[in-house]
Protein backbone atom coordinates (compact mmCIF):
# COMPACT_ATOMS: atom_id res chain seq x y z
CA MET A 1 140.15 49.00 192.97
CA SER A 2 140.06 45.14 194.88
CA ARG A 3 139.06 44.47 198.28
CA PRO A 4 139.18 41.59 200.50
CA LEU A 5 136.39 39.10 200.75
CA ALA A 6 133.99 40.70 203.09
CA VAL A 7 132.47 38.34 206.06
CA ALA A 8 130.14 39.24 208.53
CA ILE A 9 129.35 37.45 211.90
CA THR A 10 126.05 37.90 213.40
CA GLY A 11 124.08 36.30 216.21
CA GLY A 12 122.59 36.72 219.57
CA ILE A 13 123.81 38.38 222.54
CA GLY A 14 126.36 35.72 224.38
CA ALA A 15 126.40 33.29 221.37
CA GLY A 16 130.35 33.76 221.07
CA LYS A 17 130.15 36.43 218.06
CA SER A 18 133.42 37.94 219.65
CA GLU A 19 135.36 34.71 220.19
CA ALA A 20 134.56 33.41 216.52
CA LEU A 21 135.77 37.15 215.51
CA GLU A 22 139.28 36.42 217.80
CA ALA A 23 139.29 32.89 215.85
CA PHE A 24 139.15 34.70 212.62
CA ALA A 25 142.10 37.03 213.43
CA ARG A 26 144.19 33.94 214.91
CA HIS A 27 144.04 32.71 211.14
CA GLY A 28 144.95 35.71 209.54
CA ALA A 29 141.86 37.53 208.43
CA ALA A 30 141.66 41.09 209.22
CA VAL A 31 138.77 41.80 212.01
CA LEU A 32 136.51 44.60 213.17
CA SER A 33 133.89 45.06 215.72
CA SER A 34 130.77 47.07 215.04
CA ASP A 35 130.40 47.31 219.02
CA GLN A 36 134.18 48.97 218.98
CA ILE A 37 132.67 51.48 216.16
CA VAL A 38 129.73 52.65 218.35
CA HIS A 39 132.05 52.88 221.52
CA ARG A 40 134.47 54.85 219.63
CA LEU A 41 131.69 57.15 218.22
CA LEU A 42 130.13 57.43 221.61
CA ARG A 43 133.50 58.49 223.05
CA ASP A 44 135.29 60.44 219.90
CA ASP A 45 132.42 61.93 217.76
CA ALA A 46 131.33 65.29 218.61
CA ILE A 47 128.22 65.06 216.87
CA VAL A 48 127.11 61.46 218.20
CA ARG A 49 128.51 62.28 221.92
CA GLU A 50 126.39 65.84 221.61
CA ALA A 51 122.97 64.32 220.35
CA VAL A 52 123.52 61.83 222.75
CA GLU A 53 123.93 63.73 225.57
CA ASP A 54 121.30 66.09 224.64
CA ARG A 55 118.79 63.13 224.42
CA PHE A 56 119.87 61.20 227.41
CA GLY A 57 121.61 63.55 229.42
CA THR A 58 124.83 61.24 229.55
CA SER A 59 127.04 59.67 226.89
CA ASP A 60 128.03 57.18 229.56
CA ARG A 61 127.31 53.58 227.93
CA ALA A 62 125.77 52.16 230.89
CA GLY A 63 123.77 55.22 231.68
CA ILE A 64 122.49 54.85 227.75
CA ALA A 65 122.00 51.14 228.18
CA ASP A 66 119.48 51.70 230.91
CA VAL A 67 117.28 54.09 229.15
CA VAL A 68 117.08 52.37 225.42
CA PHE A 69 116.67 48.66 226.89
CA SER A 70 113.59 49.90 228.76
CA ASP A 71 112.25 52.00 226.16
CA ARG A 72 111.90 50.95 222.58
CA ASP A 73 111.42 54.38 221.04
CA GLU A 74 114.43 55.63 222.72
CA LEU A 75 116.52 52.93 221.52
CA ALA A 76 115.12 53.22 217.68
CA TRP A 77 116.27 56.61 217.94
CA LEU A 78 119.83 55.55 219.09
CA GLU A 79 120.16 53.09 216.43
CA GLU A 80 118.97 55.33 213.79
CA LEU A 81 121.81 58.00 214.77
CA LEU A 82 124.49 55.12 214.89
CA HIS A 83 123.68 52.37 212.43
CA PRO A 84 124.41 54.25 209.30
CA ARG A 85 127.55 55.91 210.98
CA VAL A 86 128.68 52.16 211.88
CA ARG A 87 127.97 51.21 208.60
CA ASP A 88 129.96 53.63 206.54
CA GLU A 89 132.96 53.04 208.90
CA TYR A 90 133.06 49.07 208.34
CA LEU A 91 132.76 49.50 204.91
CA GLY A 92 135.42 52.24 204.25
CA TRP A 93 137.66 49.86 206.56
CA ILE A 94 137.22 47.26 204.14
CA ASP A 95 138.02 49.23 201.07
CA ALA A 96 140.74 50.77 202.84
CA LEU A 97 142.22 47.51 203.08
CA GLY A 98 142.65 46.89 199.26
CA ASP A 99 144.40 43.79 198.61
CA SER A 100 146.36 43.55 201.87
CA VAL A 101 144.36 40.89 202.96
CA ASP A 102 142.18 38.31 201.77
CA VAL A 103 139.51 38.34 204.08
CA ALA A 104 138.00 40.93 206.50
CA VAL A 105 135.65 39.95 208.90
CA ILE A 106 133.13 42.11 210.69
CA GLU A 107 131.05 41.47 213.90
CA VAL A 108 127.74 42.84 212.98
CA PRO A 109 125.13 41.76 215.70
CA LEU A 110 122.32 43.53 213.69
CA LEU A 111 122.95 42.46 210.62
CA TYR A 112 119.67 41.22 209.22
CA GLU A 113 117.72 43.62 211.25
CA THR A 114 119.65 46.57 209.62
CA GLY A 115 119.69 45.33 206.08
CA SER A 116 123.40 45.13 206.16
CA ASP A 117 123.73 41.74 204.93
CA GLU A 118 123.51 43.05 201.22
CA HIS A 119 127.39 44.55 201.80
CA PHE A 120 128.72 41.25 202.57
CA ASP A 121 130.07 38.47 200.20
CA ALA A 122 129.35 35.72 203.08
CA VAL A 123 127.57 35.60 206.29
CA VAL A 124 128.64 33.55 209.62
CA ALA A 125 125.87 33.12 212.03
CA ILE A 126 126.87 32.05 215.44
CA THR A 127 124.13 30.76 217.52
CA ALA A 128 124.27 28.95 221.23
CA PRO A 129 121.53 27.26 223.32
CA GLU A 130 119.65 29.92 225.57
CA ASP A 131 120.94 28.89 228.52
CA LEU A 132 124.32 29.21 227.55
CA ARG A 133 123.76 32.99 226.17
CA SER A 134 122.35 33.81 229.44
CA ALA A 135 125.11 32.64 231.73
CA ARG A 136 127.59 34.53 228.95
CA SER A 137 125.84 37.97 229.09
CA SER A 138 125.64 40.30 231.80
CA VAL A 139 122.32 41.90 230.00
CA PRO A 140 119.53 39.63 230.37
CA VAL A 141 119.23 38.01 226.83
CA GLU A 142 115.43 38.38 226.92
CA GLN A 143 115.63 42.16 227.11
CA ARG A 144 117.84 42.73 223.97
CA SER A 145 116.31 39.55 221.96
CA ASP A 146 112.71 40.08 221.54
CA ARG A 147 113.05 42.57 218.75
CA LEU A 148 115.21 40.16 216.97
CA ILE A 149 114.91 37.96 213.99
CA SER A 150 115.08 34.60 215.56
CA ASP A 151 118.26 32.35 215.21
CA ASP A 152 116.77 29.87 212.98
CA GLU A 153 116.06 32.64 210.59
CA LYS A 154 119.95 34.03 210.69
CA VAL A 155 121.35 30.47 210.36
CA ARG A 156 118.64 29.61 207.21
CA ARG A 157 119.90 33.14 205.75
CA ALA A 158 123.62 32.63 206.58
CA ASP A 159 126.24 31.07 204.29
CA PHE A 160 127.98 29.17 207.26
CA ALA A 161 126.22 28.72 210.75
CA PHE A 162 127.76 27.21 214.05
CA VAL A 163 126.28 26.22 217.13
CA ASN A 164 128.80 27.44 219.50
CA ASP A 165 128.14 25.17 222.84
CA GLY A 166 131.59 23.34 222.72
CA THR A 167 135.10 24.06 223.26
CA LEU A 168 137.27 27.18 222.02
CA GLU A 169 139.02 24.43 219.86
CA ASP A 170 135.44 23.35 218.15
CA LEU A 171 134.93 27.14 217.31
CA ASP A 172 138.35 27.62 216.29
CA ALA A 173 138.07 24.24 213.95
CA PHE A 174 134.99 25.55 212.37
CA VAL A 175 136.48 28.89 211.83
CA ALA A 176 139.57 27.25 209.87
CA GLU A 177 137.09 25.30 207.95
CA VAL A 178 135.13 28.31 206.85
CA LEU A 179 138.41 30.29 205.62
CA ALA A 180 139.19 27.35 203.86
CA ARG A 181 135.81 27.08 202.01
CA LEU A 182 136.01 30.62 201.56
CA SER A 183 139.45 30.38 199.67
CA SER A 184 138.19 27.60 197.42
CA ARG A 185 135.63 29.61 196.13
């Protein structure tokens, strides 16, 4: 069974992964966000919703965030519940695309931390200076970044990397170049 080239976008909070995903969509790639899968699971998956409500007393994302980002054990529990389901969904999505598109791009913030990079043909790391990342995020960067691998390590492991400190046009040009290089493989 044929499938599209599977590309993961990863990077830290506020780096611009979502903007990069939108740029890939503008250039014709099929796109999916792991965060969107998580939101849907919390909203629509009865097993996930019940487990989360039993554990935290709520399935409201803001309420969950208040708990898990101040308690590492609770965050680990939530990730153990969600990550396998998220991975199964995006891998199923890639397979379901078949040969309808050439490239499928999935935003996976914890790609390396979950060992999911093995499921992709190419990885794009998006980084940005910490002051920019802080300005772009409503959640303090240090609150979510201390348990993640460094941007330098993500860039070292990735097939493509971009420092997202310029314009959207710069990001768009980078994405176009990545797609051109992928199509020549």
